[in-house]
């Protein structure tokens, strides 16, 4: 599956992306807020924990992310959102103890 065939997260989970962008702006992460609009859903994290709805927005790394990686913890209204960012690109969205994500019908 090519990058352009991967669904946009905003189309799958519009409420999540709206909150993600708002939280990034509160943290002063304007460049990430702008880029969050265009992140694509690559795959679920695969951990099967009932409190986790995390997902990759790019191919899973083989090991750690390495140089240029930083974590961006956010403060949503409920739960936890933590981003793994590599060279200012959102690679993973950690969604923990967050209200159940429902895929958009559209």
Protein backbone atom coordinates (compact mmCIF):
# COMPACT_ATOMS: atom_id res chain seq x y z
CA UNK A 1 0.00 0.00 0.00
CA UNK A 2 1.46 3.35 -1.00
CA UNK A 3 1.62 6.40 1.23
CA UNK A 4 -1.19 8.11 -0.67
CA UNK A 5 -3.46 5.07 -0.24
CA UNK A 6 -3.19 5.27 3.54
CA UNK A 7 -6.20 7.08 5.00
CA UNK A 8 -5.85 10.52 6.49
CA UNK A 9 -6.30 10.42 10.26
CA UNK A 10 -8.62 13.44 10.01
CA UNK A 11 -10.96 11.37 7.84
CA UNK A 12 -10.91 8.40 10.23
CA UNK A 13 -10.96 10.25 13.54
CA UNK A 14 -11.92 13.91 12.96
CA UNK A 15 -12.55 14.64 16.65
CA UNK A 16 -9.13 13.30 17.63
CA UNK A 17 -7.35 15.41 15.03
CA UNK A 18 -9.27 18.51 16.12
CA UNK A 19 -8.20 17.96 19.73
CA UNK A 20 -4.64 17.04 18.72
CA UNK A 21 -4.26 20.28 16.77
CA UNK A 22 -5.75 22.35 19.61
CA UNK A 23 -3.41 20.72 22.17
CA UNK A 24 -0.38 21.30 19.94
CA UNK A 25 -1.28 24.98 19.62
CA UNK A 26 -1.62 25.32 23.40
CA UNK A 27 1.91 23.87 23.71
CA UNK A 28 3.27 26.35 21.13
CA UNK A 29 3.88 23.59 18.58
CA UNK A 30 2.37 25.45 15.62
CA UNK A 31 4.40 23.65 12.93
CA UNK A 32 3.29 20.26 14.29
CA UNK A 33 -0.30 21.53 14.57
CA UNK A 34 -0.26 22.38 10.87
CA UNK A 35 1.31 19.06 9.90
CA UNK A 36 -1.14 17.08 12.08
CA UNK A 37 -3.91 17.91 9.60
CA UNK A 38 -2.20 15.72 6.98
CA UNK A 39 -0.95 12.74 8.98
CA UNK A 40 -1.93 9.36 7.61
CA UNK A 41 -2.94 6.24 9.49
CA UNK A 42 -0.23 3.64 8.86
CA UNK A 43 -1.10 0.90 11.36
CA UNK A 44 -2.31 0.26 14.91
CA UNK A 45 0.39 -0.14 17.55
CA UNK A 46 -0.70 -3.76 17.98
CA UNK A 47 -0.29 -4.02 21.75
CA UNK A 48 -3.93 -5.10 22.38
CA UNK A 49 -4.07 -3.27 25.73
CA UNK A 50 -7.67 -2.21 26.33
CA UNK A 51 -6.63 1.34 27.31
CA UNK A 52 -4.48 1.88 24.20
CA UNK A 53 -5.63 3.18 20.80
CA UNK A 54 -2.19 4.27 19.62
CA UNK A 55 -1.13 4.19 15.98
CA UNK A 56 1.77 4.78 13.62
CA UNK A 57 1.69 7.49 10.99
CA UNK A 58 4.75 6.05 9.23
CA UNK A 59 6.52 2.71 9.05
CA UNK A 60 7.35 1.21 12.45
CA UNK A 61 11.04 1.71 13.28
CA UNK A 62 13.38 -1.23 13.67
CA UNK A 63 14.41 -0.41 17.24
CA UNK A 64 14.47 3.17 18.48
CA UNK A 65 13.82 6.30 16.44
CA UNK A 66 17.37 7.51 17.02
CA UNK A 67 18.72 11.04 16.39
CA UNK A 68 16.20 13.80 15.83
CA UNK A 69 13.55 12.08 17.99
CA UNK A 70 11.55 13.83 20.68
CA UNK A 71 8.38 13.08 22.62
CA UNK A 72 5.65 15.67 22.76
CA UNK A 73 3.23 15.04 25.66
CA UNK A 74 -0.10 16.82 25.31
CA UNK A 75 -2.96 17.58 27.70
CA UNK A 76 -6.28 16.53 26.14
CA UNK A 77 -9.55 16.91 28.02
CA UNK A 78 -9.49 13.17 28.82
CA UNK A 79 -6.75 10.56 28.66
CA UNK A 80 -3.24 11.01 27.31
CA UNK A 81 -1.87 11.97 23.92
CA UNK A 82 1.89 11.67 23.38
CA UNK A 83 3.56 12.12 20.03
CA UNK A 84 6.81 10.62 18.81
CA UNK A 85 8.29 13.20 16.47
CA UNK A 86 11.39 12.67 14.32
CA UNK A 87 12.90 15.70 12.61
CA UNK A 88 9.59 17.53 13.12
CA UNK A 89 7.50 14.76 11.53
CA UNK A 90 4.82 13.02 13.61
CA UNK A 91 5.65 9.30 13.46
CA UNK A 92 3.49 7.81 16.22
CA UNK A 93 0.44 8.99 18.14
CA UNK A 94 0.13 7.42 21.58
CA UNK A 95 -3.53 7.47 22.60
CA UNK A 96 -4.00 6.17 26.16
CA UNK A 97 -7.02 6.12 28.47
CA UNK A 98 -8.77 8.24 25.84
CA UNK A 99 -12.47 8.08 24.94
CA UNK A 100 -13.20 5.31 22.43
CA UNK A 101 -12.21 6.38 18.92
CA UNK A 102 -14.96 5.81 16.39
CA UNK A 103 -14.05 5.71 12.74
CA UNK A 104 -15.86 8.33 10.71
CA UNK A 105 -18.48 7.03 8.30
CA UNK A 106 -17.20 9.42 5.65
